[in-house]
């Protein structure tokens, strides 16, 4: 039965979780994920999609980029947004608990049944790492879904990499200016301090990488040394965060 009453807290937590996952352009009633969860929480796909766009109107990343979302955000929406910012770990735990109620049950395997190798579709529950997923969504959009070093454009192979680590300072966890869109390989190198960026946003290689002689090292790193990264003027990486990375993470300075 579809609800016409005020949104419950659980329904709003589902909506916030979906908002952290879905790109702005996919928040519409024909999206299969929205349809699936709308049915589970007793709302229409249109109502859930509208709620996501209302939540977008509270997101500074959206409003600072010139978009507004809808203007019907409720006081309950605003309170949840404040809760997420004030205590992201507690908020995420609550979202995880609510989303777990809607995960499809794990089928019980009968050892006597023959192995089934046929391909079957399955519903995959939405992951509920609210903060990290919202950060990823913001950073990939800021970099037009491309690795800022190589230009690789497949989101499956891209990471929203924190410049100042997630645990270093909670104030910057969701700030897109504390992020770089990198390929899996370059994210690993950046995280381990094998690469960094100078004040001109040019790639700097560690001595360790410069000593490598393989074709792979040349193609993935050496040929990009000194190349300025692609970046959004509006959400360009913060020099303060890059300076932190150079001083505290880049291995040549340790």
Protein backbone atom coordinates (compact mmCIF):
# COMPACT_ATOMS: atom_id res chain seq x y z
CA UNK A 1 0.00 0.00 0.00
CA UNK A 2 1.46 3.35 -1.05
CA UNK A 3 1.68 6.06 1.57
CA UNK A 4 0.23 9.54 1.36
CA UNK A 5 1.40 10.49 4.87
CA UNK A 6 4.51 12.32 6.00
CA UNK A 7 7.76 10.51 5.35
CA UNK A 8 8.94 8.33 8.21
CA UNK A 9 12.53 8.48 9.43
CA UNK A 10 13.27 5.05 7.93
CA UNK A 11 11.91 6.14 4.55
CA UNK A 12 14.06 9.27 4.67
CA UNK A 13 17.17 7.27 5.56
CA UNK A 14 16.58 5.08 2.51
CA UNK A 15 16.23 8.22 0.41
CA UNK A 16 19.46 9.71 1.79
CA UNK A 17 21.27 6.45 1.11
CA UNK A 18 20.08 6.42 -2.49
CA UNK A 19 21.03 10.08 -2.86
CA UNK A 20 24.59 9.27 -1.86
CA UNK A 21 24.74 6.65 -4.62
CA UNK A 22 22.93 7.98 -7.65
CA UNK A 23 24.27 10.65 -10.04
CA UNK A 24 22.11 13.75 -10.24
CA UNK A 25 20.96 12.85 -13.75
CA UNK A 26 19.64 9.45 -12.67
CA UNK A 27 17.20 10.69 -10.05
CA UNK A 28 14.03 9.99 -11.98
CA UNK A 29 11.07 7.67 -11.61
CA UNK A 30 12.16 5.33 -14.43
CA UNK A 31 15.37 4.41 -12.68
CA UNK A 32 15.08 0.72 -11.72
CA UNK A 33 16.82 1.22 -8.37
CA UNK A 34 14.38 3.98 -7.44
CA UNK A 35 11.46 1.80 -8.54
CA UNK A 36 12.71 -1.13 -6.47
CA UNK A 37 13.17 0.80 -3.23
CA UNK A 38 10.04 2.88 -3.73
CA UNK A 39 7.99 -0.30 -3.72
CA UNK A 40 9.72 -1.57 -0.58
CA UNK A 41 9.15 1.61 1.43
CA UNK A 42 5.59 2.16 0.21
CA UNK A 43 6.15 5.23 -1.94
CA UNK A 44 5.69 5.80 -5.65
CA UNK A 45 8.82 6.01 -7.83
CA UNK A 46 7.85 9.60 -8.64
CA UNK A 47 7.61 10.51 -4.96
CA UNK A 48 10.97 8.92 -4.16
CA UNK A 49 12.64 10.57 -7.15
CA UNK A 50 11.19 13.92 -6.09
CA UNK A 51 12.49 13.39 -2.56
CA UNK A 52 16.01 12.80 -3.92
CA UNK A 53 15.90 16.03 -5.90
CA UNK A 54 14.62 17.86 -2.82
CA UNK A 55 17.59 16.50 -0.88
CA UNK A 56 19.83 17.78 -3.68
CA UNK A 57 18.63 21.32 -2.93
CA UNK A 58 20.41 21.01 0.45
CA UNK A 59 23.69 19.78 -1.00
CA UNK A 60 26.26 22.59 -1.25
CA UNK A 61 28.04 20.72 -4.04
CA UNK A 62 24.88 20.97 -6.14
CA UNK A 63 23.94 24.53 -5.22
CA UNK A 64 27.50 25.83 -5.64
CA UNK A 65 27.56 24.43 -9.16
CA UNK A 66 24.55 26.53 -10.16
CA UNK A 67 21.93 23.80 -9.91
CA UNK A 68 19.16 24.04 -7.38
CA UNK A 69 17.19 20.80 -7.29
CA UNK A 70 13.60 21.32 -6.21
CA UNK A 71 12.60 23.75 -3.48
CA UNK A 72 10.36 21.45 -1.44
CA UNK A 73 12.89 20.14 1.08
CA UNK A 74 11.16 19.55 4.39
CA UNK A 75 12.34 20.36 7.89
CA UNK A 76 12.89 16.63 8.39
CA UNK A 77 15.15 16.59 5.32
CA UNK A 78 17.17 19.48 6.75
CA UNK A 79 17.49 17.82 10.15
CA UNK A 80 18.82 14.62 8.60
CA UNK A 81 21.31 16.57 6.50
CA UNK A 82 22.53 18.29 9.68
CA UNK A 83 22.80 14.94 11.46
CA UNK A 84 24.88 13.53 8.62
CA UNK A 85 27.29 16.46 8.80
CA UNK A 86 27.53 16.51 12.60
CA UNK A 87 28.05 12.79 13.22
CA UNK A 88 28.62 10.96 9.92
CA UNK A 89 29.60 7.67 11.58
CA UNK A 90 26.42 7.48 13.64
CA UNK A 91 24.31 8.53 10.66
CA UNK A 92 25.91 5.91 8.45
CA UNK A 93 25.34 3.18 11.04
CA UNK A 94 21.65 4.06 11.19
CA UNK A 95 21.39 4.01 7.40
CA UNK A 96 23.07 0.61 7.30
CA UNK A 97 20.60 -0.75 9.82
CA UNK A 98 17.62 0.51 7.84
CA UNK A 99 18.91 -0.65 4.47
CA UNK A 100 19.63 -4.11 5.89
CA UNK A 101 15.90 -4.55 6.37
CA UNK A 102 15.41 -4.26 2.60
CA UNK A 103 18.21 -6.52 1.44
CA UNK A 104 16.94 -9.58 -0.43
CA UNK A 105 17.32 -12.72 1.73
CA UNK A 106 20.25 -15.03 1.09
CA UNK A 107 18.92 -18.29 -0.36
CA UNK A 108 19.59 -21.42 1.69
CA UNK A 109 21.79 -23.80 -0.25
CA UNK A 110 20.80 -27.45 -0.35
CA UNK A 111 23.95 -29.58 -0.62
CA UNK A 112 21.96 -32.27 -2.39
CA UNK A 113 20.97 -29.97 -5.25
CA UNK A 114 23.13 -30.16 -8.38
CA UNK A 115 25.33 -27.18 -9.13
CA UNK A 116 23.56 -24.55 -11.24
CA UNK A 117 25.83 -22.70 -13.66
CA UNK A 118 23.12 -20.83 -15.54
CA UNK A 119 23.28 -17.05 -15.50
CA UNK A 120 20.57 -15.44 -13.42
CA UNK A 121 19.69 -11.87 -12.60
CA UNK A 122 19.71 -10.85 -8.97
CA UNK A 123 18.84 -7.74 -7.03
CA UNK A 124 21.93 -6.27 -5.40
CA UNK A 125 21.31 -4.12 -2.34
CA UNK A 126 22.65 -0.59 -2.34
CA UNK A 127 25.85 -0.21 -0.34
CA UNK A 128 25.40 2.19 2.53
CA UNK A 129 28.77 3.89 3.01
CA UNK A 130 26.99 7.23 3.00
CA UNK A 131 29.92 9.57 3.50
CA UNK A 132 32.37 7.80 1.21
CA UNK A 133 29.79 7.29 -1.52
CA UNK A 134 28.68 10.92 -1.38
CA UNK A 135 32.34 11.99 -1.57
CA UNK A 136 32.91 9.69 -4.56
CA UNK A 137 29.83 11.04 -6.31
CA UNK A 138 30.98 14.65 -5.85
CA UNK A 139 34.59 14.06 -6.90
CA UNK A 140 33.82 12.01 -10.02
CA UNK A 141 31.31 14.61 -11.16
CA UNK A 142 33.79 17.44 -10.49
CA UNK A 143 36.34 15.68 -12.72
CA UNK A 144 33.81 14.77 -15.40
CA UNK A 145 34.27 11.06 -14.59
CA UNK A 146 37.86 11.00 -15.86
CA UNK A 147 41.17 10.22 -14.21
CA UNK A 148 42.84 13.58 -13.72
CA UNK A 149 46.20 12.14 -14.79
CA UNK A 150 45.46 9.83 -17.72
CA UNK A 151 41.95 10.82 -18.80
CA UNK A 152 40.64 7.27 -18.29
CA UNK A 153 36.86 7.57 -18.39
CA UNK A 154 35.39 4.29 -17.10
CA UNK A 155 33.81 4.87 -13.63
CA UNK A 156 34.40 1.21 -12.76
CA UNK A 157 38.14 1.88 -12.87
CA UNK A 158 38.04 5.24 -11.09
CA UNK A 159 38.55 6.11 -7.44
CA UNK A 160 37.65 9.27 -5.56
CA UNK A 161 40.96 9.59 -3.77
CA UNK A 162 41.26 11.64 -0.59
CA UNK A 163 44.23 14.02 -0.61
CA UNK A 164 44.12 14.44 3.15
CA UNK A 165 43.17 10.94 4.38
CA UNK A 166 39.64 10.17 5.56
CA UNK A 167 40.81 9.63 9.16
CA UNK A 168 43.10 12.66 9.27
CA UNK A 169 40.43 15.33 9.73
CA UNK A 170 36.63 14.76 9.68
CA UNK A 171 36.04 18.35 8.52
CA UNK A 172 37.29 17.54 5.03
CA UNK A 173 35.81 14.10 4.48
CA UNK A 174 33.10 15.23 2.07
CA UNK A 175 34.88 18.23 0.57
CA UNK A 176 35.42 17.69 -3.18
CA UNK A 177 38.46 19.99 -2.97
CA UNK A 178 40.03 17.30 -0.81
CA UNK A 179 39.66 14.81 -3.63
CA UNK A 180 41.18 13.70 -6.90
CA UNK A 181 39.64 11.43 -9.48
CA UNK A 182 42.27 8.78 -10.16
CA UNK A 183 42.47 5.37 -11.78
CA UNK A 184 42.79 2.42 -9.42
CA UNK A 185 46.52 2.22 -10.13
CA UNK A 186 47.24 5.90 -9.60
CA UNK A 187 45.03 6.01 -6.51
CA UNK A 188 47.15 3.25 -4.98
CA UNK A 189 50.36 5.09 -5.87
CA UNK A 190 48.99 8.35 -4.44
CA UNK A 191 47.78 6.67 -1.26
CA UNK A 192 51.19 5.04 -0.72
CA UNK A 193 53.05 8.29 -1.35
CA UNK A 194 54.70 7.15 -4.58
CA UNK A 195 53.33 10.18 -6.43
CA UNK A 196 52.17 13.65 -5.46
CA UNK A 197 51.48 17.03 -7.09
CA UNK A 198 53.34 20.32 -6.84
CA UNK A 199 51.93 23.83 -6.41
CA UNK A 200 51.24 24.01 -10.16
CA UNK A 201 49.22 20.77 -10.04
CA UNK A 202 51.93 18.90 -11.96
CA UNK A 203 52.60 15.23 -11.29
CA UNK A 204 55.68 14.52 -9.17
CA UNK A 205 57.16 11.04 -9.10
CA UNK A 206 59.03 9.50 -6.19
CA UNK A 207 62.61 8.32 -6.61
CA UNK A 208 61.29 4.78 -6.25
CA UNK A 209 59.17 5.08 -9.40
CA UNK A 210 61.89 6.87 -11.35
CA UNK A 211 64.17 3.88 -10.84
CA UNK A 212 61.75 1.50 -12.52
CA UNK A 213 62.69 0.47 -16.07
CA UNK A 214 59.69 -1.50 -17.30
CA UNK A 215 57.47 -0.48 -20.20
CA UNK A 216 54.53 -0.52 -17.78
CA UNK A 217 56.24 1.98 -15.47
CA UNK A 218 57.01 4.21 -18.43
CA UNK A 219 53.48 4.08 -19.85
CA UNK A 220 51.65 4.51 -16.55
CA UNK A 221 53.92 6.93 -14.70
CA UNK A 222 57.12 8.19 -16.31
CA UNK A 223 55.48 9.71 -19.36
CA UNK A 224 53.12 11.74 -17.15
CA UNK A 225 55.84 13.27 -14.96
CA UNK A 226 55.46 17.05 -14.91
CA UNK A 227 52.09 16.92 -16.68
CA UNK A 228 49.44 19.19 -15.19
CA UNK A 229 46.33 17.37 -14.06
CA UNK A 230 42.91 17.96 -15.53
CA UNK A 231 40.75 19.67 -12.93
CA UNK A 232 37.54 21.58 -12.40
CA UNK A 233 38.13 25.30 -11.87
CA UNK A 234 35.26 25.39 -9.39
CA UNK A 235 36.39 22.39 -7.36
CA UNK A 236 40.14 22.42 -8.01
CA UNK A 237 42.18 20.55 -5.37
CA UNK A 238 43.04 22.62 -2.32
CA UNK A 239 46.68 23.69 -2.11
CA UNK A 240 46.46 23.25 1.66
CA UNK A 241 45.53 19.58 1.26
CA UNK A 242 48.14 18.98 -1.43
CA UNK A 243 50.77 20.55 0.82
CA UNK A 244 49.71 18.14 3.58
CA UNK A 245 50.13 15.23 1.16
CA UNK A 246 53.57 16.37 0.04
CA UNK A 247 54.81 16.81 3.63
CA UNK A 248 53.20 13.85 5.37
CA UNK A 249 52.54 11.16 2.76
CA UNK A 250 54.93 11.56 -0.19
CA UNK A 251 57.72 9.06 0.58
CA UNK A 252 60.56 11.26 -0.68
CA UNK A 253 59.84 13.68 2.17
CA UNK A 254 59.54 11.10 4.95
